[in-house]
Amino acid sequence: MNPVYFSSICPWAPSLNDDTELWKEWAAGTKQIEQTDEAPKLEYTSPLFRRRLSQITRMTVHVIHNLLEKTKTSGETKIVFVSLRGEIAREFSINKQLIEDNEILPAPFSLSVFNTPVSSATIAFHLTGGYSVLYPSKNNFASAVIPAVSPIRAGTEKACLFVYADELVPECYGDKRPKDNTPLAFAALVSAEPSAGAVQLSDFDHIPEEPKQFLKFLLNNGEN
C-alpha cells in the first residue's frame, strides 16, 4: 500500500502549551511535560459549553481547533480519535458513585464515555464529517495508527484528521497509575498526497508504541 503524510502537527500539553519553541526543545529531549491537570482555557468557546469539560476533552477540543485554524480543513473531513485511557478521571467518579450510591446520574455519565472528547469538538466547531474512536490493543499506540490511516493507504479516503489525547491519571488510582503519566494531546492532517513540510510514514512495521515517541517522530521531521 501507499505511504501517508502527516502535516500541520498541533500539540498541547501542560507547561508547553502552544509554544513552538518549547515543543522543539521537548522533541530534542531538553524539555519535559509537567504532570499536572492544567488544561487549555478554550476562550473561543462559550462559558456554558466549556464549564464542565475535563482535561482530556479540553485538550482534544483545543488541538482540533488549532488544526482547523492552521489548515482551513473542511468540516466534512473525517476525524480519527485515539486514546489509551479516555475520560479516566470521570470514569473513576462514576464508578465511585455507583458503588456508594448504587446509581449513576445521566449528566455525569454522558461526559464519561470514551467518545466525549472528540464528540465535544464536533459540537463546538459544527463538524459534520463523522469520527471514529480507537482504543489501542494492550496500550500499543501503533495498533491504533495503522487502522486509522488504512483508508488513506487503500485509497478509499483522501485525508483525515488524526487526533490523540490522554489526560493525567489522578492520584486516586494509587499504585495503578502508569509510570509515564503524561497528559498530552496532538492533532495532524493525514493525507495521501505529499505537501510542504509533511512527514512521510511508510514503515508501518516500526511505528513507535508510545504516543510521545510518535509525536517526537513527527516533530523531528520523520527522525526518531
C-alpha atoms as a PDB file:
ATOM      1  CA  MET A   1       0.000   0.000   0.000  1.00  0.00           C
ATOM      2  CA  ASN A   2       0.960   3.648  -0.368  1.00  0.00           C
ATOM      3  CA  PRO A   3       2.617   5.859   2.255  1.00  0.00           C
ATOM      4  CA  VAL A   4       0.695   8.566   4.095  1.00  0.00           C
ATOM      5  CA  TYR A   5       1.735  12.081   5.013  1.00  0.00           C
ATOM      6  CA  PHE A   6       1.294  13.815   8.379  1.00  0.00           C
ATOM      7  CA  SER A   7       1.292  17.605   8.301  1.00  0.00           C
ATOM      8  CA  SER A   8       0.347  20.678  10.377  1.00  0.00           C
ATOM      9  CA  ILE A   9       1.142  18.995  13.704  1.00  0.00           C
ATOM     10  CA  CYS A  10      -0.665  20.748  16.571  1.00  0.00           C
ATOM     11  CA  PRO A  11       0.382  19.548  20.063  1.00  0.00           C
ATOM     12  CA  TRP A  12      -0.680  20.705  23.524  1.00  0.00           C
ATOM     13  CA  ALA A  13       0.459  19.683  26.998  1.00  0.00           C
ATOM     14  CA  PRO A  14       0.820  21.322  30.420  1.00  0.00           C
ATOM     15  CA  SER A  15       3.796  23.701  30.693  1.00  0.00           C
ATOM     16  CA  LEU A  16       4.438  23.635  26.925  1.00  0.00           C
ATOM     17  CA  ASN A  17       1.009  24.835  25.821  1.00  0.00           C
ATOM     18  CA  ASP A  18       1.134  26.181  22.236  1.00  0.00           C
ATOM     19  CA  ASP A  19       4.738  27.412  22.418  1.00  0.00           C
ATOM     20  CA  THR A  20       6.505  26.227  19.251  1.00  0.00           C
ATOM     21  CA  GLU A  21       9.999  26.764  20.666  1.00  0.00           C
ATOM     22  CA  LEU A  22       9.224  24.779  23.828  1.00  0.00           C
ATOM     23  CA  TRP A  23       7.910  21.927  21.710  1.00  0.00           C
ATOM     24  CA  LYS A  24      11.147  21.922  19.709  1.00  0.00           C
ATOM     25  CA  GLU A  25      13.069  21.637  22.982  1.00  0.00           C
ATOM     26  CA  TRP A  26      10.798  18.810  24.094  1.00  0.00           C
ATOM     27  CA  ALA A  27      11.281  16.956  20.810  1.00  0.00           C
ATOM     28  CA  ALA A  28      15.044  17.351  21.233  1.00  0.00           C
ATOM     29  CA  GLY A  29      14.830  15.889  24.739  1.00  0.00           C
ATOM     30  CA  THR A  30      15.778  19.065  26.615  1.00  0.00           C
ATOM     31  CA  LYS A  31      12.316  19.920  27.962  1.00  0.00           C
ATOM     32  CA  GLN A  32       9.792  17.866  29.922  1.00  0.00           C
ATOM     33  CA  ILE A  33       5.989  17.930  30.135  1.00  0.00           C
ATOM     34  CA  GLU A  34       4.738  18.649  33.637  1.00  0.00           C
ATOM     35  CA  GLN A  35       2.431  16.034  35.125  1.00  0.00           C
ATOM     36  CA  THR A  36      -0.379  18.370  36.156  1.00  0.00           C
ATOM     37  CA  ASP A  37      -4.077  18.755  35.416  1.00  0.00           C
ATOM     38  CA  GLU A  38      -3.569  22.073  33.601  1.00  0.00           C
ATOM     39  CA  ALA A  39      -5.867  22.382  30.579  1.00  0.00           C
ATOM     40  CA  PRO A  40      -6.487  24.871  27.739  1.00  0.00           C
ATOM     41  CA  LYS A  41      -8.860  27.705  28.603  1.00  0.00           C
ATOM     42  CA  LEU A  42     -10.858  27.463  25.320  1.00  0.00           C
ATOM     43  CA  GLU A  43     -11.718  31.173  25.280  1.00  0.00           C
ATOM     44  CA  TYR A  44     -13.095  30.768  21.749  1.00  0.00           C
ATOM     45  CA  THR A  45     -15.979  28.629  23.061  1.00  0.00           C
ATOM     46  CA  SER A  46     -18.925  29.713  25.201  1.00  0.00           C
ATOM     47  CA  PRO A  47     -18.625  29.556  29.021  1.00  0.00           C
ATOM     48  CA  LEU A  48     -21.626  27.241  29.147  1.00  0.00           C
ATOM     49  CA  PHE A  49     -20.003  24.801  26.741  1.00  0.00           C
ATOM     50  CA  ARG A  50     -16.616  24.584  28.446  1.00  0.00           C
ATOM     51  CA  ARG A  51     -17.504  24.855  32.133  1.00  0.00           C
ATOM     52  CA  ARG A  52     -17.769  21.107  32.813  1.00  0.00           C
ATOM     53  CA  LEU A  53     -15.185  19.755  30.405  1.00  0.00           C
ATOM     54  CA  SER A  54     -12.364  17.529  31.648  1.00  0.00           C
ATOM     55  CA  GLN A  55      -8.664  17.935  30.909  1.00  0.00           C
ATOM     56  CA  ILE A  56      -8.704  15.384  28.078  1.00  0.00           C
ATOM     57  CA  THR A  57     -11.743  16.945  26.420  1.00  0.00           C
ATOM     58  CA  ARG A  58     -10.337  20.455  26.698  1.00  0.00           C
ATOM     59  CA  MET A  59      -7.037  19.316  25.186  1.00  0.00           C
ATOM     60  CA  THR A  60      -8.823  17.487  22.372  1.00  0.00           C
ATOM     61  CA  VAL A  61     -11.059  20.432  21.535  1.00  0.00           C
ATOM     62  CA  HIS A  62      -8.044  22.746  21.561  1.00  0.00           C
ATOM     63  CA  VAL A  63      -5.756  20.763  19.239  1.00  0.00           C
ATOM     64  CA  ILE A  64      -8.607  20.205  16.786  1.00  0.00           C
ATOM     65  CA  HIS A  65      -9.355  23.933  16.886  1.00  0.00           C
ATOM     66  CA  ASN A  66      -5.704  24.742  16.179  1.00  0.00           C
ATOM     67  CA  LEU A  67      -5.542  22.227  13.335  1.00  0.00           C
ATOM     68  CA  LEU A  68      -8.700  23.586  11.722  1.00  0.00           C
ATOM     69  CA  GLU A  69      -7.366  27.119  12.005  1.00  0.00           C
ATOM     70  CA  LYS A  70      -4.000  26.106  10.584  1.00  0.00           C
ATOM     71  CA  THR A  71      -5.227  24.063   7.645  1.00  0.00           C
ATOM     72  CA  LYS A  72      -8.665  25.549   6.912  1.00  0.00           C
ATOM     73  CA  THR A  73      -9.787  21.948   6.511  1.00  0.00           C
ATOM     74  CA  SER A  74     -13.371  21.294   5.566  1.00  0.00           C
ATOM     75  CA  GLY A  75     -15.739  20.430   8.395  1.00  0.00           C
ATOM     76  CA  GLU A  76     -16.683  17.377   6.354  1.00  0.00           C
ATOM     77  CA  THR A  77     -13.268  15.738   6.819  1.00  0.00           C
ATOM     78  CA  LYS A  78     -13.442  12.624   8.979  1.00  0.00           C
ATOM     79  CA  ILE A  79     -11.736  12.562  12.388  1.00  0.00           C
ATOM     80  CA  VAL A  80      -9.984   9.567  13.916  1.00  0.00           C
ATOM     81  CA  PHE A  81      -9.556   9.902  17.680  1.00  0.00           C
ATOM     82  CA  VAL A  82      -7.120   7.720  19.626  1.00  0.00           C
ATOM     83  CA  SER A  83      -6.749   7.457  23.399  1.00  0.00           C
ATOM     84  CA  LEU A  84      -5.197   4.919  25.743  1.00  0.00           C
ATOM     85  CA  ARG A  85      -7.423   5.745  28.717  1.00  0.00           C
ATOM     86  CA  GLY A  86     -10.185   8.142  27.678  1.00  0.00           C
ATOM     87  CA  GLU A  87     -12.110  10.009  30.385  1.00  0.00           C
ATOM     88  CA  ILE A  88     -10.349   8.172  33.176  1.00  0.00           C
ATOM     89  CA  ALA A  89     -10.951  10.740  35.929  1.00  0.00           C
ATOM     90  CA  ARG A  90     -14.672  10.871  35.196  1.00  0.00           C
ATOM     91  CA  GLU A  91     -14.834   7.095  34.912  1.00  0.00           C
ATOM     92  CA  PHE A  92     -13.451   6.821  38.431  1.00  0.00           C
ATOM     93  CA  SER A  93     -16.040   9.240  39.792  1.00  0.00           C
ATOM     94  CA  ILE A  94     -18.820   7.324  38.016  1.00  0.00           C
ATOM     95  CA  ASN A  95     -17.644   4.004  39.464  1.00  0.00           C
ATOM     96  CA  LYS A  96     -17.325   5.566  42.916  1.00  0.00           C
ATOM     97  CA  GLN A  97     -20.878   6.915  42.745  1.00  0.00           C
ATOM     98  CA  LEU A  98     -22.183   3.543  41.563  1.00  0.00           C
ATOM     99  CA  ILE A  99     -20.535   1.760  44.496  1.00  0.00           C
ATOM    100  CA  GLU A 100     -21.532   4.307  47.126  1.00  0.00           C
ATOM    101  CA  ASP A 101     -24.999   5.350  45.914  1.00  0.00           C
ATOM    102  CA  ASN A 102     -25.973   2.431  43.705  1.00  0.00           C
ATOM    103  CA  GLU A 103     -26.909   4.816  40.906  1.00  0.00           C
ATOM    104  CA  ILE A 104     -25.439   6.849  38.061  1.00  0.00           C
ATOM    105  CA  LEU A 105     -26.733  10.299  37.170  1.00  0.00           C
ATOM    106  CA  PRO A 106     -27.305  10.890  33.433  1.00  0.00           C
ATOM    107  CA  ALA A 107     -25.328  14.126  33.136  1.00  0.00           C
ATOM    108  CA  PRO A 108     -22.019  12.845  34.610  1.00  0.00           C
ATOM    109  CA  PHE A 109     -22.375   9.596  32.691  1.00  0.00           C
ATOM    110  CA  SER A 110     -22.793  11.414  29.367  1.00  0.00           C
ATOM    111  CA  LEU A 111     -19.449  13.166  29.958  1.00  0.00           C
ATOM    112  CA  SER A 112     -17.604   9.986  30.934  1.00  0.00           C
ATOM    113  CA  VAL A 113     -17.930   7.916  27.766  1.00  0.00           C
ATOM    114  CA  PHE A 114     -14.933   7.218  25.543  1.00  0.00           C
ATOM    115  CA  ASN A 115     -16.027   9.427  22.639  1.00  0.00           C
ATOM    116  CA  THR A 116     -16.767  12.502  24.784  1.00  0.00           C
ATOM    117  CA  PRO A 117     -13.587  14.434  23.784  1.00  0.00           C
ATOM    118  CA  VAL A 118     -13.995  14.152  20.012  1.00  0.00           C
ATOM    119  CA  SER A 119     -17.779  14.494  20.036  1.00  0.00           C
ATOM    120  CA  SER A 120     -17.411  17.690  22.055  1.00  0.00           C
ATOM    121  CA  ALA A 121     -15.112  19.079  19.370  1.00  0.00           C
ATOM    122  CA  THR A 122     -17.591  18.266  16.605  1.00  0.00           C
ATOM    123  CA  ILE A 123     -20.284  20.127  18.543  1.00  0.00           C
ATOM    124  CA  ALA A 124     -18.044  23.127  19.229  1.00  0.00           C
ATOM    125  CA  PHE A 125     -16.976  23.559  15.600  1.00  0.00           C
ATOM    126  CA  HIS A 126     -20.038  22.178  13.777  1.00  0.00           C
ATOM    127  CA  LEU A 127     -18.074  19.363  12.143  1.00  0.00           C
ATOM    128  CA  THR A 128     -20.153  17.011  10.027  1.00  0.00           C
ATOM    129  CA  GLY A 129     -17.644  14.525   8.609  1.00  0.00           C
ATOM    130  CA  GLY A 130     -18.127  11.992  11.371  1.00  0.00           C
ATOM    131  CA  TYR A 131     -15.495  10.349  13.529  1.00  0.00           C
ATOM    132  CA  SER A 132     -14.052   7.020  14.625  1.00  0.00           C
ATOM    133  CA  VAL A 133     -12.691   6.270  18.079  1.00  0.00           C
ATOM    134  CA  LEU A 134      -9.864   3.758  18.538  1.00  0.00           C
ATOM    135  CA  TYR A 135      -8.601   2.157  21.734  1.00  0.00           C
ATOM    136  CA  PRO A 136      -5.119   0.661  21.153  1.00  0.00           C
ATOM    137  CA  SER A 137      -4.671  -3.016  21.981  1.00  0.00           C
ATOM    138  CA  LYS A 138      -2.517  -3.511  25.101  1.00  0.00           C
ATOM    139  CA  ASN A 139      -1.721   0.226  25.100  1.00  0.00           C
ATOM    140  CA  ASN A 140       0.301  -0.198  21.905  1.00  0.00           C
ATOM    141  CA  PHE A 141      -0.186   3.104  20.112  1.00  0.00           C
ATOM    142  CA  ALA A 142       0.943   1.611  16.798  1.00  0.00           C
ATOM    143  CA  SER A 143      -2.057  -0.722  16.799  1.00  0.00           C
ATOM    144  CA  ALA A 144      -4.292   2.350  16.522  1.00  0.00           C
ATOM    145  CA  VAL A 145      -2.239   4.301  13.984  1.00  0.00           C
ATOM    146  CA  ILE A 146      -2.352   1.525  11.394  1.00  0.00           C
ATOM    147  CA  PRO A 147      -6.164   1.177  11.169  1.00  0.00           C
ATOM    148  CA  ALA A 148      -6.562   4.953  11.493  1.00  0.00           C
ATOM    149  CA  VAL A 149      -4.663   5.603   8.270  1.00  0.00           C
ATOM    150  CA  SER A 150      -5.620   2.404   6.415  1.00  0.00           C
ATOM    151  CA  PRO A 151      -8.472   4.020   4.409  1.00  0.00           C
ATOM    152  CA  ILE A 152      -5.987   6.581   3.101  1.00  0.00           C
ATOM    153  CA  ARG A 153      -3.366   3.956   2.287  1.00  0.00           C
ATOM    154  CA  ALA A 154      -6.015   1.917   0.471  1.00  0.00           C
ATOM    155  CA  GLY A 155      -7.226   4.938  -1.495  1.00  0.00           C
ATOM    156  CA  THR A 156     -10.787   4.920  -0.163  1.00  0.00           C
ATOM    157  CA  GLU A 157     -10.260   8.279   1.587  1.00  0.00           C
ATOM    158  CA  LYS A 158      -8.046  11.217   0.657  1.00  0.00           C
ATOM    159  CA  ALA A 159      -7.476  12.670   4.119  1.00  0.00           C
ATOM    160  CA  CYS A 160      -8.468  12.598   7.776  1.00  0.00           C
ATOM    161  CA  LEU A 161      -7.793  14.489  10.974  1.00  0.00           C
ATOM    162  CA  PHE A 162      -5.759  12.276  13.294  1.00  0.00           C
ATOM    163  CA  VAL A 163      -6.151  13.177  16.978  1.00  0.00           C
ATOM    164  CA  TYR A 164      -4.608  11.662  20.105  1.00  0.00           C
ATOM    165  CA  ALA A 165      -5.230  12.661  23.731  1.00  0.00           C
ATOM    166  CA  ASP A 166      -4.763  11.289  27.244  1.00  0.00           C
ATOM    167  CA  GLU A 167      -5.163  13.149  30.500  1.00  0.00           C
ATOM    168  CA  LEU A 168      -3.362  12.929  33.833  1.00  0.00           C
ATOM    169  CA  VAL A 169      -4.352   9.795  35.740  1.00  0.00           C
ATOM    170  CA  PRO A 170      -5.493  11.123  39.152  1.00  0.00           C
ATOM    171  CA  GLU A 171      -3.877  10.169  42.443  1.00  0.00           C
ATOM    172  CA  CYS A 172      -6.959   8.174  43.486  1.00  0.00           C
ATOM    173  CA  TYR A 173      -5.687   5.337  41.275  1.00  0.00           C
ATOM    174  CA  GLY A 174      -2.727   4.904  43.619  1.00  0.00           C
ATOM    175  CA  ASP A 175      -0.156   2.336  42.503  1.00  0.00           C
ATOM    176  CA  LYS A 176      -2.286   1.588  39.437  1.00  0.00           C
ATOM    177  CA  ARG A 177      -1.189   4.854  37.883  1.00  0.00           C
ATOM    178  CA  PRO A 178       1.165   4.343  34.911  1.00  0.00           C
ATOM    179  CA  LYS A 179       4.825   5.228  35.328  1.00  0.00           C
ATOM    180  CA  ASP A 180       4.577   7.509  32.306  1.00  0.00           C
ATOM    181  CA  ASN A 181       1.613   9.575  33.450  1.00  0.00           C
ATOM    182  CA  THR A 182       1.911  12.308  30.842  1.00  0.00           C
ATOM    183  CA  PRO A 183      -1.092  14.462  29.877  1.00  0.00           C
ATOM    184  CA  LEU A 184      -0.753  15.159  26.163  1.00  0.00           C
ATOM    185  CA  ALA A 185      -2.765  15.807  23.024  1.00  0.00           C
ATOM    186  CA  PHE A 186      -1.914  16.391  19.393  1.00  0.00           C
ATOM    187  CA  ALA A 187      -3.692  16.609  16.067  1.00  0.00           C
ATOM    188  CA  ALA A 188      -2.447  16.307  12.495  1.00  0.00           C
ATOM    189  CA  LEU A 189      -3.775  16.265   8.979  1.00  0.00           C
ATOM    190  CA  VAL A 190      -3.134  12.894   7.336  1.00  0.00           C
ATOM    191  CA  SER A 191      -3.193  12.832   3.551  1.00  0.00           C
ATOM    192  CA  ALA A 192      -2.430  10.536   0.645  1.00  0.00           C
ATOM    193  CA  GLU A 193      -0.609  13.383  -1.108  1.00  0.00           C
ATOM    194  CA  PRO A 194       2.700  14.965  -0.018  1.00  0.00           C
ATOM    195  CA  SER A 195       2.801  18.647   0.884  1.00  0.00           C
ATOM    196  CA  ALA A 196       5.395  21.135   2.063  1.00  0.00           C
ATOM    197  CA  GLY A 197       6.703  20.164   5.479  1.00  0.00           C
ATOM    198  CA  ALA A 198       4.740  16.909   5.625  1.00  0.00           C
ATOM    199  CA  VAL A 199       6.255  13.860   7.336  1.00  0.00           C
ATOM    200  CA  GLN A 200       6.041  10.677   5.315  1.00  0.00           C
ATOM    201  CA  LEU A 201       5.045   7.491   7.104  1.00  0.00           C
ATOM    202  CA  SER A 202       5.830   4.405   5.048  1.00  0.00           C
ATOM    203  CA  ASP A 203       7.386   1.970   7.526  1.00  0.00           C
ATOM    204  CA  PHE A 204       4.312   0.575   9.228  1.00  0.00           C
ATOM    205  CA  ASP A 205       6.237  -2.222  10.917  1.00  0.00           C
ATOM    206  CA  HIS A 206       8.173   0.118  13.200  1.00  0.00           C
ATOM    207  CA  ILE A 207       5.690   2.713  14.379  1.00  0.00           C
ATOM    208  CA  PRO A 208       6.538   3.777  17.954  1.00  0.00           C
ATOM    209  CA  GLU A 209       4.419   2.024  20.566  1.00  0.00           C
ATOM    210  CA  GLU A 210       4.168   5.173  22.719  1.00  0.00           C
ATOM    211  CA  PRO A 211       2.307   8.345  21.686  1.00  0.00           C
ATOM    212  CA  LYS A 212       5.123  10.579  22.928  1.00  0.00           C
ATOM    213  CA  GLN A 213       7.663   8.841  20.724  1.00  0.00           C
ATOM    214  CA  PHE A 214       5.393   9.067  17.707  1.00  0.00           C
ATOM    215  CA  LEU A 215       4.887  12.793  18.292  1.00  0.00           C
ATOM    216  CA  LYS A 216       8.649  13.274  18.561  1.00  0.00           C
ATOM    217  CA  PHE A 217       8.984  11.402  15.260  1.00  0.00           C
ATOM    218  CA  LEU A 218       6.588  13.892  13.663  1.00  0.00           C
ATOM    219  CA  LEU A 219       8.116  16.998  15.252  1.00  0.00           C
ATOM    220  CA  ASN A 220      11.604  15.847  14.262  1.00  0.00           C
ATOM    221  CA  ASN A 221      10.512  15.587  10.612  1.00  0.00           C
ATOM    222  CA  GLY A 222      10.445  11.807  10.480  1.00  0.00           C
ATOM    223  CA  GLU A 223      13.561  11.121  12.545  1.00  0.00           C
ATOM    224  CA  ASN A 224      13.466   9.206  15.833  1.00  0.00           C
END
